Amino acid sequence: MNVENNVNNSTEGISSIPISILDLAPVIAGGTPRDSFHRSLDLAQHAEQWGYRRYWLAEHHNMPGIASSATSLVIGYIANGTKTIRVGSGGIMLPNHAPLVIAEQFGTLESMYPGRIDLGLGRAPGSDQPAMRAIRRGLGSDGQNFPEQLSELRSYLDPSLGAGMPGVRAVPGEGLDIPIWLLGSSGFSAQLAGELGLPFAFASHFAPDYLLAALELYRSYFKPSQALNKPHAMVGINIIAADTDEEAQRLATSQQQQFLNIVRGIPGMLSPAVDPSDILWSEPEKAYVQKSLSFSIVGSRDTVRKRLSHLQEQTQADEWIISAQIYDHEARLKSYQIVSEIMKE
């Protein structure tokens, strides 16, 4: 299962680094999931034209502002409406599912859209505790057996690995080349990805604190495999770009409000942008949100270019995957277009 290796040379600047999109399929205030899917497809079609490498969707549950809970279905919808961009999961929360079912779902997607499907896997619930209990009812999984689940899943795709259920085959799925990525926000998946020789994606778009340590851990534990002959680390980051720093900062208030609502335990739909001074939060709330978004880049073209170049020097990322929680769809498109133009300069 080959994952394309990217030659990372920091002296070439950010223009040598592939960029991808992580779409949280935001449901905006006053909108519906149906609207969200249409906007996601429009963004994916533009991203394909702008040269983005991948378009990933994430599994979340019990969150009114995120529409991608049935992640495999949305991946199929996006893949069907595009032609060349890779489409995948960022990620599927494997403890929520039977490995055979995921092998079959992604085997089906790969059969329909050959050479374009990525399977990113995480071990978090992607939900709150009540939803987790509802989803994992009967599965008996709390995420601790993720390595065993991963081994079983990989064996359904490649029976020579020998960890699948005896007498059980994934059809479709068996024998298909579906790249598997491990996703994480700590050292667990970083080390596991390194030991297995798999590509690794770090979720610094919401959990930046352990980014550099996790990347070092991944690279130090990496062992070449059939999938990769050297480490391939993708870094998730929020980028909100606009014509001016002030406009970008205003657009970013939608994401700040979304994080604030999560902190308060009242997740809701993505709210319209406001003047930054109009966000009503306590100092501890403000500090927590700002810390969670500390690796975000918000600003004009020049600001984004300088900040991204600095982060590239820090992380030596092989690929960036960008999220932009922007209420206005046209402004969201423009933000991703600005980033694509920066990367081509």
C-alpha atoms as a PDB file:
ATOM      1  CA  MET A   1       0.000   0.000   0.000  1.00  0.00           C
ATOM      2  CA  ASN A   2       2.113   2.796  -1.279  1.00  0.00           C
ATOM      3  CA  VAL A   3       1.935   6.368  -0.071  1.00  0.00           C
ATOM      4  CA  GLU A   4       3.738   8.826  -2.279  1.00  0.00           C
ATOM      5  CA  ASN A   5       6.898  10.035  -0.580  1.00  0.00           C
ATOM      6  CA  ASN A   6       7.586  13.735  -0.767  1.00  0.00           C
ATOM      7  CA  VAL A   7      11.152  15.007  -0.803  1.00  0.00           C
ATOM      8  CA  ASN A   8      11.202  17.648   1.910  1.00  0.00           C
ATOM      9  CA  ASN A   9      13.925  20.249   1.568  1.00  0.00           C
ATOM     10  CA  SER A  10      13.473  23.307   3.737  1.00  0.00           C
ATOM     11  CA  THR A  11      15.818  25.339   1.533  1.00  0.00           C
ATOM     12  CA  GLU A  12      13.236  25.158  -1.235  1.00  0.00           C
ATOM     13  CA  GLY A  13      10.697  26.982   0.932  1.00  0.00           C
ATOM     14  CA  ILE A  14       7.034  26.232   1.381  1.00  0.00           C
ATOM     15  CA  SER A  15       6.415  26.024  -2.361  1.00  0.00           C
ATOM     16  CA  SER A  16       7.841  22.490  -2.354  1.00  0.00           C
ATOM     17  CA  ILE A  17       5.333  21.215   0.228  1.00  0.00           C
ATOM     18  CA  PRO A  18       2.022  19.641  -0.853  1.00  0.00           C
ATOM     19  CA  ILE A  19      -1.135  21.049   0.711  1.00  0.00           C
ATOM     20  CA  SER A  20      -4.407  19.319   1.470  1.00  0.00           C
ATOM     21  CA  ILE A  21      -7.757  20.246   3.007  1.00  0.00           C
ATOM     22  CA  LEU A  22      -9.446  18.983   6.161  1.00  0.00           C
ATOM     23  CA  ASP A  23     -13.128  19.820   5.825  1.00  0.00           C
ATOM     24  CA  LEU A  24     -15.185  19.629   9.011  1.00  0.00           C
ATOM     25  CA  ALA A  25     -18.324  20.087   6.867  1.00  0.00           C
ATOM     26  CA  PRO A  26     -19.522  23.004   9.027  1.00  0.00           C
ATOM     27  CA  VAL A  27     -23.238  23.527   9.462  1.00  0.00           C
ATOM     28  CA  ILE A  28     -23.675  27.272   9.717  1.00  0.00           C
ATOM     29  CA  ALA A  29     -26.259  29.059  11.829  1.00  0.00           C
ATOM     30  CA  GLY A  30     -29.418  29.241   9.733  1.00  0.00           C
ATOM     31  CA  GLY A  31     -28.212  26.436   7.451  1.00  0.00           C
ATOM     32  CA  THR A  32     -28.716  22.684   7.160  1.00  0.00           C
ATOM     33  CA  PRO A  33     -26.464  19.646   6.666  1.00  0.00           C
ATOM     34  CA  ARG A  34     -27.725  19.527   3.080  1.00  0.00           C
ATOM     35  CA  ASP A  35     -26.349  23.036   2.544  1.00  0.00           C
ATOM     36  CA  SER A  36     -23.097  21.960   4.163  1.00  0.00           C
ATOM     37  CA  PHE A  37     -22.637  19.048   1.765  1.00  0.00           C
ATOM     38  CA  HIS A  38     -23.241  21.267  -1.256  1.00  0.00           C
ATOM     39  CA  ARG A  39     -20.671  23.785  -0.015  1.00  0.00           C
ATOM     40  CA  SER A  40     -18.166  21.011   0.683  1.00  0.00           C
ATOM     41  CA  LEU A  41     -18.503  19.682  -2.841  1.00  0.00           C
ATOM     42  CA  ASP A  42     -18.065  23.175  -4.256  1.00  0.00           C
ATOM     43  CA  LEU A  43     -14.939  23.672  -2.157  1.00  0.00           C
ATOM     44  CA  ALA A  44     -13.550  20.282  -3.214  1.00  0.00           C
ATOM     45  CA  GLN A  45     -14.078  21.097  -6.882  1.00  0.00           C
ATOM     46  CA  HIS A  46     -12.271  24.406  -6.466  1.00  0.00           C
ATOM     47  CA  ALA A  47      -9.500  22.738  -4.453  1.00  0.00           C
ATOM     48  CA  GLU A  48      -8.960  20.281  -7.280  1.00  0.00           C
ATOM     49  CA  GLN A  49      -8.454  23.183  -9.694  1.00  0.00           C
ATOM     50  CA  TRP A  50      -6.130  24.973  -7.277  1.00  0.00           C
ATOM     51  CA  GLY A  51      -3.803  22.010  -6.883  1.00  0.00           C
ATOM     52  CA  TYR A  52      -4.637  20.674  -3.430  1.00  0.00           C
ATOM     53  CA  ARG A  53      -3.533  17.054  -3.041  1.00  0.00           C
ATOM     54  CA  ARG A  54      -6.186  15.612  -0.709  1.00  0.00           C
ATOM     55  CA  TYR A  55      -9.629  16.440   0.578  1.00  0.00           C
ATOM     56  CA  TRP A  56     -10.327  14.767   3.913  1.00  0.00           C
ATOM     57  CA  LEU A  57     -13.431  14.641   6.094  1.00  0.00           C
ATOM     58  CA  ALA A  58     -13.624  13.869   9.799  1.00  0.00           C
ATOM     59  CA  GLU A  59     -15.890  11.659  11.875  1.00  0.00           C
ATOM     60  CA  HIS A  60     -17.693  13.597  14.605  1.00  0.00           C
ATOM     61  CA  HIS A  61     -20.923  12.728  16.389  1.00  0.00           C
ATOM     62  CA  ASN A  62     -23.518  14.613  18.409  1.00  0.00           C
ATOM     63  CA  MET A  63     -22.182  17.953  17.161  1.00  0.00           C
ATOM     64  CA  PRO A  64     -24.822  20.176  15.510  1.00  0.00           C
ATOM     65  CA  GLY A  65     -22.151  22.197  13.698  1.00  0.00           C
ATOM     66  CA  ILE A  66     -20.422  19.292  11.913  1.00  0.00           C
ATOM     67  CA  ALA A  67     -22.230  17.319   9.200  1.00  0.00           C
ATOM     68  CA  SER A  68     -19.705  14.575   8.409  1.00  0.00           C
ATOM     69  CA  SER A  69     -20.803  11.963  10.974  1.00  0.00           C
ATOM     70  CA  ALA A  70     -21.434   9.372   8.222  1.00  0.00           C
ATOM     71  CA  THR A  71     -17.931   9.981   6.948  1.00  0.00           C
ATOM     72  CA  SER A  72     -17.702   7.211   4.346  1.00  0.00           C
ATOM     73  CA  LEU A  73     -20.908   8.416   2.680  1.00  0.00           C
ATOM     74  CA  VAL A  74     -19.675  11.990   2.455  1.00  0.00           C
ATOM     75  CA  ILE A  75     -16.338  10.798   1.043  1.00  0.00           C
ATOM     76  CA  GLY A  76     -18.241   9.005  -1.711  1.00  0.00           C
ATOM     77  CA  TYR A  77     -20.273  12.134  -2.446  1.00  0.00           C
ATOM     78  CA  ILE A  78     -17.149  14.281  -2.761  1.00  0.00           C
ATOM     79  CA  ALA A  79     -15.247  11.689  -4.801  1.00  0.00           C
ATOM     80  CA  ASN A  80     -18.180  11.348  -7.193  1.00  0.00           C
ATOM     81  CA  GLY A  81     -18.215  15.105  -7.791  1.00  0.00           C
ATOM     82  CA  THR A  82     -14.463  15.440  -8.423  1.00  0.00           C
ATOM     83  CA  LYS A  83     -12.026  13.809 -10.819  1.00  0.00           C
ATOM     84  CA  THR A  84      -8.433  13.770  -9.618  1.00  0.00           C
ATOM     85  CA  ILE A  85      -8.073  14.979  -6.023  1.00  0.00           C
ATOM     86  CA  ARG A  86      -7.577  12.263  -3.415  1.00  0.00           C
ATOM     87  CA  VAL A  87     -10.491  11.986  -0.987  1.00  0.00           C
ATOM     88  CA  GLY A  88     -10.395  10.358   2.406  1.00  0.00           C
ATOM     89  CA  SER A  89     -10.951  10.367   6.126  1.00  0.00           C
ATOM     90  CA  GLY A  90      -9.216  12.571   8.600  1.00  0.00           C
ATOM     91  CA  GLY A  91     -10.231  10.428  10.241  1.00  0.00           C
ATOM     92  CA  ILE A  92     -12.374   7.418  10.847  1.00  0.00           C
ATOM     93  CA  MET A  93     -12.443   6.741  14.604  1.00  0.00           C
ATOM     94  CA  LEU A  94     -11.697   3.029  14.448  1.00  0.00           C
ATOM     95  CA  PRO A  95     -12.842   2.093  17.979  1.00  0.00           C
ATOM     96  CA  ASN A  96     -16.354   3.154  16.918  1.00  0.00           C
ATOM     97  CA  HIS A  97     -16.489   0.449  14.233  1.00  0.00           C
ATOM     98  CA  ALA A  98     -15.867  -3.179  13.456  1.00  0.00           C
ATOM     99  CA  PRO A  99     -12.623  -3.325  11.411  1.00  0.00           C
ATOM    100  CA  LEU A 100     -14.294  -5.545   8.799  1.00  0.00           C
ATOM    101  CA  VAL A 101     -16.969  -2.918   8.149  1.00  0.00           C
ATOM    102  CA  ILE A 102     -14.369  -0.192   7.578  1.00  0.00           C
ATOM    103  CA  ALA A 103     -12.386  -2.490   5.265  1.00  0.00           C
ATOM    104  CA  GLU A 104     -15.546  -3.121   3.259  1.00  0.00           C
ATOM    105  CA  GLN A 105     -16.603   0.527   3.176  1.00  0.00           C
ATOM    106  CA  PHE A 106     -13.237   1.774   1.988  1.00  0.00           C
ATOM    107  CA  GLY A 107     -12.832  -1.199  -0.300  1.00  0.00           C
ATOM    108  CA  THR A 108     -16.099  -0.119  -1.889  1.00  0.00           C
ATOM    109  CA  LEU A 109     -14.915   3.482  -2.192  1.00  0.00           C
ATOM    110  CA  GLU A 110     -11.579   2.414  -3.694  1.00  0.00           C
ATOM    111  CA  SER A 111     -13.390   0.155  -6.167  1.00  0.00           C
ATOM    112  CA  MET A 112     -15.593   3.053  -7.249  1.00  0.00           C
ATOM    113  CA  TYR A 113     -12.850   5.708  -7.316  1.00  0.00           C
ATOM    114  CA  PRO A 114      -9.603   3.766  -7.864  1.00  0.00           C
ATOM    115  CA  GLY A 115      -6.357   5.388  -6.825  1.00  0.00           C
ATOM    116  CA  ARG A 116      -8.060   8.268  -5.041  1.00  0.00           C
ATOM    117  CA  ILE A 117      -9.076   7.028  -1.587  1.00  0.00           C
ATOM    118  CA  ASP A 118      -7.167   7.561   1.685  1.00  0.00           C
ATOM    119  CA  LEU A 119      -8.028   5.897   4.988  1.00  0.00           C
ATOM    120  CA  GLY A 120      -6.966   8.024   7.952  1.00  0.00           C
ATOM    121  CA  LEU A 121      -7.597   6.406  11.328  1.00  0.00           C
ATOM    122  CA  GLY A 122      -7.846   7.766  14.843  1.00  0.00           C
ATOM    123  CA  ARG A 123      -8.570   6.203  18.209  1.00  0.00           C
ATOM    124  CA  ALA A 124     -10.516   9.035  19.878  1.00  0.00           C
ATOM    125  CA  PRO A 125     -14.317   8.821  20.134  1.00  0.00           C
ATOM    126  CA  GLY A 126     -15.003  11.884  17.982  1.00  0.00           C
ATOM    127  CA  SER A 127     -17.910  12.615  20.297  1.00  0.00           C
ATOM    128  CA  ASP A 128     -18.978  13.218  23.866  1.00  0.00           C
ATOM    129  CA  GLN A 129     -19.492  10.470  26.422  1.00  0.00           C
ATOM    130  CA  PRO A 130     -23.232   9.887  25.811  1.00  0.00           C
ATOM    131  CA  ALA A 131     -22.695   9.603  22.059  1.00  0.00           C
ATOM    132  CA  MET A 132     -19.688   7.357  22.566  1.00  0.00           C
ATOM    133  CA  ARG A 133     -21.785   4.967  24.651  1.00  0.00           C
ATOM    134  CA  ALA A 134     -24.483   4.971  21.990  1.00  0.00           C
ATOM    135  CA  ILE A 135     -22.020   4.312  19.165  1.00  0.00           C
ATOM    136  CA  ARG A 136     -19.848   1.711  20.877  1.00  0.00           C
ATOM    137  CA  ARG A 137     -22.737  -0.240  22.396  1.00  0.00           C
ATOM    138  CA  GLY A 138     -21.828  -3.886  21.979  1.00  0.00           C
ATOM    139  CA  LEU A 139     -18.348  -3.162  20.631  1.00  0.00           C
ATOM    140  CA  GLY A 140     -16.760  -3.163  24.060  1.00  0.00           C
ATOM    141  CA  SER A 141     -13.989  -0.830  22.894  1.00  0.00           C
ATOM    142  CA  ASP A 142     -12.535   2.147  24.731  1.00  0.00           C
ATOM    143  CA  GLY A 143      -9.683   2.746  22.296  1.00  0.00           C
ATOM    144  CA  GLN A 144      -7.080   0.796  24.246  1.00  0.00           C
ATOM    145  CA  ASN A 145      -7.123  -2.054  21.747  1.00  0.00           C
ATOM    146  CA  PHE A 146      -6.574   0.263  18.785  1.00  0.00           C
ATOM    147  CA  PRO A 147      -3.343  -1.495  17.696  1.00  0.00           C
ATOM    148  CA  GLU A 148      -5.175  -4.844  17.561  1.00  0.00           C
ATOM    149  CA  GLN A 149      -8.090  -3.316  15.646  1.00  0.00           C
ATOM    150  CA  LEU A 150      -5.659  -1.697  13.229  1.00  0.00           C
ATOM    151  CA  SER A 151      -3.865  -4.989  12.681  1.00  0.00           C
ATOM    152  CA  GLU A 152      -7.156  -6.738  11.983  1.00  0.00           C
ATOM    153  CA  LEU A 153      -8.249  -4.051   9.539  1.00  0.00           C
ATOM    154  CA  ARG A 154      -4.942  -4.120   7.661  1.00  0.00           C
ATOM    155  CA  SER A 155      -5.181  -7.897   7.392  1.00  0.00           C
ATOM    156  CA  TYR A 156      -8.564  -7.714   5.697  1.00  0.00           C
ATOM    157  CA  LEU A 157      -6.940  -5.578   3.009  1.00  0.00           C
ATOM    158  CA  ASP A 158      -3.753  -7.683   2.925  1.00  0.00           C
ATOM    159  CA  PRO A 159      -4.421 -11.255   4.169  1.00  0.00           C
ATOM    160  CA  SER A 160      -0.685 -12.010   4.226  1.00  0.00           C
ATOM    161  CA  LEU A 161      -0.505  -9.970   7.444  1.00  0.00           C
ATOM    162  CA  GLY A 162      -2.488 -12.744   9.099  1.00  0.00           C
ATOM    163  CA  ALA A 163      -4.425 -10.881  11.804  1.00  0.00           C
ATOM    164  CA  GLY A 164      -7.947 -11.026  10.395  1.00  0.00           C
ATOM    165  CA  MET A 165     -10.746 -13.265  11.621  1.00  0.00           C
ATOM    166  CA  PRO A 166     -10.212 -16.781  10.248  1.00  0.00           C
ATOM    167  CA  GLY A 167     -12.524 -17.531   7.362  1.00  0.00           C
ATOM    168  CA  VAL A 168     -13.590 -13.878   6.953  1.00  0.00           C
ATOM    169  CA  ARG A 169     -12.768 -11.845   3.854  1.00  0.00           C
ATOM    170  CA  ALA A 170     -13.442  -8.198   3.028  1.00  0.00           C
ATOM    171  CA  VAL A 171     -15.241  -8.029  -0.303  1.00  0.00           C
ATOM    172  CA  PRO A 172     -14.607  -5.494  -1.671  1.00  0.00           C
ATOM    173  CA  GLY A 173     -11.402  -4.542   0.095  1.00  0.00           C
ATOM    174  CA  GLU A 174      -9.105  -7.545  -0.029  1.00  0.00           C
ATOM    175  CA  GLY A 175      -6.062  -6.931  -2.216  1.00  0.00           C
ATOM    176  CA  LEU A 176      -6.793  -3.246  -2.824  1.00  0.00           C
ATOM    177  CA  ASP A 177      -4.145  -0.561  -2.397  1.00  0.00           C
ATOM    178  CA  ILE A 178      -5.748   1.798   0.128  1.00  0.00           C
ATOM    179  CA  PRO A 179      -3.171   3.981   1.924  1.00  0.00           C
ATOM    180  CA  ILE A 180      -3.659   3.936   5.688  1.00  0.00           C
ATOM    181  CA  TRP A 181      -2.657   6.945   7.767  1.00  0.00           C
ATOM    182  CA  LEU A 182      -2.556   7.189  11.547  1.00  0.00           C
ATOM    183  CA  LEU A 183      -3.881  10.395  13.066  1.00  0.00           C
ATOM    184  CA  GLY A 184      -3.247  11.697  16.528  1.00  0.00           C
ATOM    185  CA  SER A 185      -2.722  14.535  18.962  1.00  0.00           C
ATOM    186  CA  SER A 186      -0.262  12.776  21.282  1.00  0.00           C
ATOM    187  CA  GLY A 187       2.647  10.385  21.161  1.00  0.00           C
ATOM    188  CA  PHE A 188       0.663   7.129  21.030  1.00  0.00           C
ATOM    189  CA  SER A 189      -0.241   7.161  17.334  1.00  0.00           C
ATOM    190  CA  ALA A 190       3.031   8.884  16.447  1.00  0.00           C
ATOM    191  CA  GLN A 191       5.074   6.019  17.853  1.00  0.00           C
ATOM    192  CA  LEU A 192       2.744   3.366  16.439  1.00  0.00           C
ATOM    193  CA  ALA A 193       2.841   4.934  12.966  1.00  0.00           C
ATOM    194  CA  GLY A 194       6.630   5.008  13.115  1.00  0.00           C
ATOM    195  CA  GLU A 195       6.949   1.393  14.214  1.00  0.00           C
ATOM    196  CA  LEU A 196       4.576   0.247  11.447  1.00  0.00           C
ATOM    197  CA  GLY A 197       6.114   2.445   8.771  1.00  0.00           C
ATOM    198  CA  LEU A 198       2.865   4.290   8.078  1.00  0.00           C
ATOM    199  CA  PRO A 199       2.300   7.975   7.295  1.00  0.00           C
ATOM    200  CA  PHE A 200       1.315  10.109  10.267  1.00  0.00           C
ATOM    201  CA  ALA A 201      -0.886  13.207  10.571  1.00  0.00           C
ATOM    202  CA  PHE A 202      -0.858  15.383  13.700  1.00  0.00           C
ATOM    203  CA  ALA A 203      -3.947  17.349  14.746  1.00  0.00           C
ATOM    204  CA  SER A 204      -2.275  20.618  15.694  1.00  0.00           C
ATOM    205  CA  HIS A 205      -5.328  22.494  14.401  1.00  0.00           C
ATOM    206  CA  PHE A 206      -6.894  21.862  17.817  1.00  0.00           C
ATOM    207  CA  ALA A 207      -4.109  20.281  19.952  1.00  0.00           C
ATOM    208  CA  PRO A 208      -0.833  22.085  19.237  1.00  0.00           C
ATOM    209  CA  ASP A 209       1.067  21.476  22.468  1.00  0.00           C
ATOM    210  CA  TYR A 210       2.605  18.104  21.610  1.00  0.00           C
ATOM    211  CA  LEU A 211       3.207  18.706  17.903  1.00  0.00           C
ATOM    212  CA  LEU A 212       7.007  18.951  17.821  1.00  0.00           C
ATOM    213  CA  ALA A 213       7.512  16.146  20.329  1.00  0.00           C
ATOM    214  CA  ALA A 214       5.146  13.857  18.411  1.00  0.00           C
ATOM    215  CA  LEU A 215       6.907  14.527  15.116  1.00  0.00           C
ATOM    216  CA  GLU A 216      10.268  13.761  16.708  1.00  0.00           C
ATOM    217  CA  LEU A 217       8.860  10.565  18.203  1.00  0.00           C
ATOM    218  CA  TYR A 218       7.397   9.473  14.868  1.00  0.00           C
ATOM    219  CA  ARG A 219      10.617  10.065  12.980  1.00  0.00           C
ATOM    220  CA  SER A 220      12.797   8.425  15.614  1.00  0.00           C
ATOM    221  CA  TYR A 221      10.671   5.258  15.710  1.00  0.00           C
ATOM    222  CA  PHE A 222      10.137   5.025  11.959  1.00  0.00           C
ATOM    223  CA  LYS A 223      10.905   1.733  10.254  1.00  0.00           C
ATOM    224  CA  PRO A 224      10.698   1.430   6.449  1.00  0.00           C
ATOM    225  CA  SER A 225       7.773  -0.642   5.194  1.00  0.00           C
ATOM    226  CA  GLN A 226       5.922  -1.556   2.018  1.00  0.00           C
ATOM    227  CA  ALA A 227       3.904   1.631   2.493  1.00  0.00           C
ATOM    228  CA  LEU A 228       6.817   4.026   3.020  1.00  0.00           C
ATOM    229  CA  ASN A 229      10.580   3.967   2.766  1.00  0.00           C
ATOM    230  CA  LYS A 230      10.966   7.104   4.909  1.00  0.00           C
ATOM    231  CA  PRO A 231       8.757   9.089   7.305  1.00  0.00           C
ATOM    232  CA  HIS A 232       5.924  11.166   5.909  1.00  0.00           C
ATOM    233  CA  ALA A 233       4.412  13.589   8.409  1.00  0.00           C
ATOM    234  CA  MET A 234       1.408  15.727   7.624  1.00  0.00           C
ATOM    235  CA  VAL A 235       0.598  18.602   9.970  1.00  0.00           C
ATOM    236  CA  GLY A 236      -2.941  19.855  10.475  1.00  0.00           C
ATOM    237  CA  ILE A 237      -3.294  23.610  10.857  1.00  0.00           C
ATOM    238  CA  ASN A 238      -5.977  26.285  10.752  1.00  0.00           C
ATOM    239  CA  ILE A 239      -5.341  28.963   8.154  1.00  0.00           C
ATOM    240  CA  ILE A 240      -7.732  31.849   7.636  1.00  0.00           C
ATOM    241  CA  ALA A 241      -6.537  34.211   4.934  1.00  0.00           C
ATOM    242  CA  ALA A 242      -8.057  37.404   3.550  1.00  0.00           C
ATOM    243  CA  ASP A 243      -7.006  40.613   1.812  1.00  0.00           C
ATOM    244  CA  THR A 244      -6.058  42.247   5.119  1.00  0.00           C
ATOM    245  CA  ASP A 245      -5.057  41.092   8.590  1.00  0.00           C
ATOM    246  CA  GLU A 246      -8.098  42.843  10.017  1.00  0.00           C
ATOM    247  CA  GLU A 247     -10.543  41.037   7.732  1.00  0.00           C
ATOM    248  CA  ALA A 248      -8.934  37.674   8.446  1.00  0.00           C
ATOM    249  CA  GLN A 249      -9.129  38.321  12.178  1.00  0.00           C
ATOM    250  CA  ARG A 250     -12.815  39.114  11.832  1.00  0.00           C
ATOM    251  CA  LEU A 251     -13.452  35.913   9.847  1.00  0.00           C
ATOM    252  CA  ALA A 252     -11.580  33.922  12.497  1.00  0.00           C
ATOM    253  CA  THR A 253     -14.118  34.892  15.158  1.00  0.00           C
ATOM    254  CA  SER A 254     -16.497  32.216  13.851  1.00  0.00           C
ATOM    255  CA  GLN A 255     -13.955  29.548  14.739  1.00  0.00           C
ATOM    256  CA  GLN A 256     -13.179  31.197  18.071  1.00  0.00           C
ATOM    257  CA  GLN A 257     -16.870  31.215  18.973  1.00  0.00           C
ATOM    258  CA  GLN A 258     -17.111  27.552  17.988  1.00  0.00           C
ATOM    259  CA  PHE A 259     -14.237  26.596  20.295  1.00  0.00           C
ATOM    260  CA  LEU A 260     -15.692  28.742  23.061  1.00  0.00           C
ATOM    261  CA  ASN A 261     -19.025  26.930  22.828  1.00  0.00           C
ATOM    262  CA  ILE A 262     -17.244  23.581  23.063  1.00  0.00           C
ATOM    263  CA  VAL A 263     -15.394  24.782  26.161  1.00  0.00           C
ATOM    264  CA  ARG A 264     -18.759  25.743  27.658  1.00  0.00           C
ATOM    265  CA  GLY A 265     -20.257  22.365  26.790  1.00  0.00           C
ATOM    266  CA  ILE A 266     -22.801  23.800  24.371  1.00  0.00           C
ATOM    267  CA  PRO A 267     -21.550  22.941  20.877  1.00  0.00           C
ATOM    268  CA  GLY A 268     -23.651  24.544  18.197  1.00  0.00           C
ATOM    269  CA  MET A 269     -23.673  25.616  14.583  1.00  0.00           C
ATOM    270  CA  LEU A 270     -20.919  27.809  13.128  1.00  0.00           C
ATOM    271  CA  SER A 271     -21.802  31.416  13.938  1.00  0.00           C
ATOM    272  CA  PRO A 272     -21.375  34.491  11.746  1.00  0.00           C
ATOM    273  CA  ALA A 273     -18.203  36.504  12.142  1.00  0.00           C
ATOM    274  CA  VAL A 274     -18.244  39.446  14.537  1.00  0.00           C
ATOM    275  CA  ASP A 275     -15.854  42.178  15.534  1.00  0.00           C
ATOM    276  CA  PRO A 276     -13.153  40.498  17.664  1.00  0.00           C
ATOM    277  CA  SER A 277     -13.935  42.872  20.535  1.00  0.00           C
ATOM    278  CA  ASP A 278     -17.552  41.662  20.572  1.00  0.00           C
ATOM    279  CA  ILE A 279     -16.767  38.105  21.714  1.00  0.00           C
ATOM    280  CA  LEU A 280     -17.980  37.781  25.283  1.00  0.00           C
ATOM    281  CA  TRP A 281     -15.634  35.479  27.141  1.00  0.00           C
ATOM    282  CA  SER A 282     -13.875  35.366  30.469  1.00  0.00           C
ATOM    283  CA  GLU A 283     -10.114  35.681  30.638  1.00  0.00           C
ATOM    284  CA  PRO A 284      -9.670  31.939  31.391  1.00  0.00           C
ATOM    285  CA  GLU A 285     -11.941  31.051  28.455  1.00  0.00           C
ATOM    286  CA  LYS A 286     -10.070  33.399  26.153  1.00  0.00           C
ATOM    287  CA  ALA A 287      -6.716  31.983  27.252  1.00  0.00           C
ATOM    288  CA  TYR A 288      -7.875  28.402  26.685  1.00  0.00           C
ATOM    289  CA  VAL A 289      -9.253  29.105  23.195  1.00  0.00           C
ATOM    290  CA  GLN A 290      -6.146  31.029  22.181  1.00  0.00           C
ATOM    291  CA  LYS A 291      -3.917  28.233  23.438  1.00  0.00           C
ATOM    292  CA  SER A 292      -5.929  25.624  21.510  1.00  0.00           C
ATOM    293  CA  LEU A 293      -5.602  27.725  18.354  1.00  0.00           C
ATOM    294  CA  SER A 294      -1.997  28.810  18.936  1.00  0.00           C
ATOM    295  CA  PHE A 295      -0.742  27.143  15.746  1.00  0.00           C
ATOM    296  CA  SER A 296      -3.418  28.842  13.663  1.00  0.00           C
ATOM    297  CA  ILE A 297      -2.449  31.346  11.001  1.00  0.00           C
ATOM    298  CA  VAL A 298      -4.779  34.295  10.554  1.00  0.00           C
ATOM    299  CA  GLY A 299      -3.973  37.195   8.292  1.00  0.00           C
ATOM    300  CA  SER A 300      -3.216  38.666   4.909  1.00  0.00           C
ATOM    301  CA  ARG A 301      -1.208  37.001   2.183  1.00  0.00           C
ATOM    302  CA  ASP A 302       2.096  38.299   3.579  1.00  0.00           C
ATOM    303  CA  THR A 303       1.220  37.310   7.132  1.00  0.00           C
ATOM    304  CA  VAL A 304       0.257  33.794   6.089  1.00  0.00           C
ATOM    305  CA  ARG A 305       3.384  33.367   3.988  1.00  0.00           C
ATOM    306  CA  LYS A 306       5.734  34.448   6.773  1.00  0.00           C
ATOM    307  CA  ARG A 307       4.010  32.439   9.477  1.00  0.00           C
ATOM    308  CA  LEU A 308       3.757  29.292   7.370  1.00  0.00           C
ATOM    309  CA  SER A 309       7.431  29.545   6.403  1.00  0.00           C
ATOM    310  CA  HIS A 310       8.326  29.780  10.086  1.00  0.00           C
ATOM    311  CA  LEU A 311       6.202  26.739  10.955  1.00  0.00           C
ATOM    312  CA  GLN A 312       7.794  24.826   8.095  1.00  0.00           C
ATOM    313  CA  GLU A 313      11.222  25.503   9.565  1.00  0.00           C
ATOM    314  CA  GLN A 314      10.005  24.359  12.985  1.00  0.00           C
ATOM    315  CA  THR A 315       8.233  21.178  11.916  1.00  0.00           C
ATOM    316  CA  GLN A 316       9.881  20.108   8.641  1.00  0.00           C
ATOM    317  CA  ALA A 317       6.404  18.938   7.644  1.00  0.00           C
ATOM    318  CA  ASP A 318       6.175  16.783   4.522  1.00  0.00           C
ATOM    319  CA  GLU A 319       2.644  17.991   3.883  1.00  0.00           C
ATOM    320  CA  TRP A 320       0.154  20.473   5.322  1.00  0.00           C
ATOM    321  CA  ILE A 321      -3.538  19.794   5.776  1.00  0.00           C
ATOM    322  CA  ILE A 322      -5.506  22.971   6.268  1.00  0.00           C
ATOM    323  CA  SER A 323      -8.793  23.640   8.002  1.00  0.00           C
ATOM    324  CA  ALA A 324     -10.708  26.924   7.750  1.00  0.00           C
ATOM    325  CA  GLN A 325     -13.901  27.260   9.756  1.00  0.00           C
ATOM    326  CA  ILE A 326     -15.300  30.322   7.992  1.00  0.00           C
ATOM    327  CA  TYR A 327     -19.010  31.159   8.061  1.00  0.00           C
ATOM    328  CA  ASP A 328     -19.261  32.878   4.677  1.00  0.00           C
ATOM    329  CA  HIS A 329     -18.716  30.377   1.865  1.00  0.00           C
ATOM    330  CA  GLU A 330     -17.230  32.868  -0.600  1.00  0.00           C
ATOM    331  CA  ALA A 331     -14.764  34.059   2.027  1.00  0.00           C
ATOM    332  CA  ARG A 332     -13.910  30.424   2.759  1.00  0.00           C
ATOM    333  CA  LEU A 333     -13.193  29.770  -0.907  1.00  0.00           C
ATOM    334  CA  LYS A 334     -11.062  32.890  -1.137  1.00  0.00           C
ATOM    335  CA  SER A 335      -9.040  31.874   1.929  1.00  0.00           C
ATOM    336  CA  TYR A 336      -8.156  28.497   0.427  1.00  0.00           C
ATOM    337  CA  GLN A 337      -7.375  30.120  -2.925  1.00  0.00           C
ATOM    338  CA  ILE A 338      -4.979  32.591  -1.293  1.00  0.00           C
ATOM    339  CA  VAL A 339      -3.157  29.738   0.429  1.00  0.00           C
ATOM    340  CA  SER A 340      -2.874  27.794  -2.836  1.00  0.00           C
ATOM    341  CA  GLU A 341      -1.418  30.852  -4.567  1.00  0.00           C
ATOM    342  CA  ILE A 342       1.094  31.379  -1.764  1.00  0.00           C
ATOM    343  CA  MET A 343       2.275  27.786  -2.080  1.00  0.00           C
ATOM    344  CA  LYS A 344       2.848  28.224  -5.824  1.00  0.00           C
ATOM    345  CA  GLU A 345       4.831  31.472  -5.582  1.00  0.00           C
END
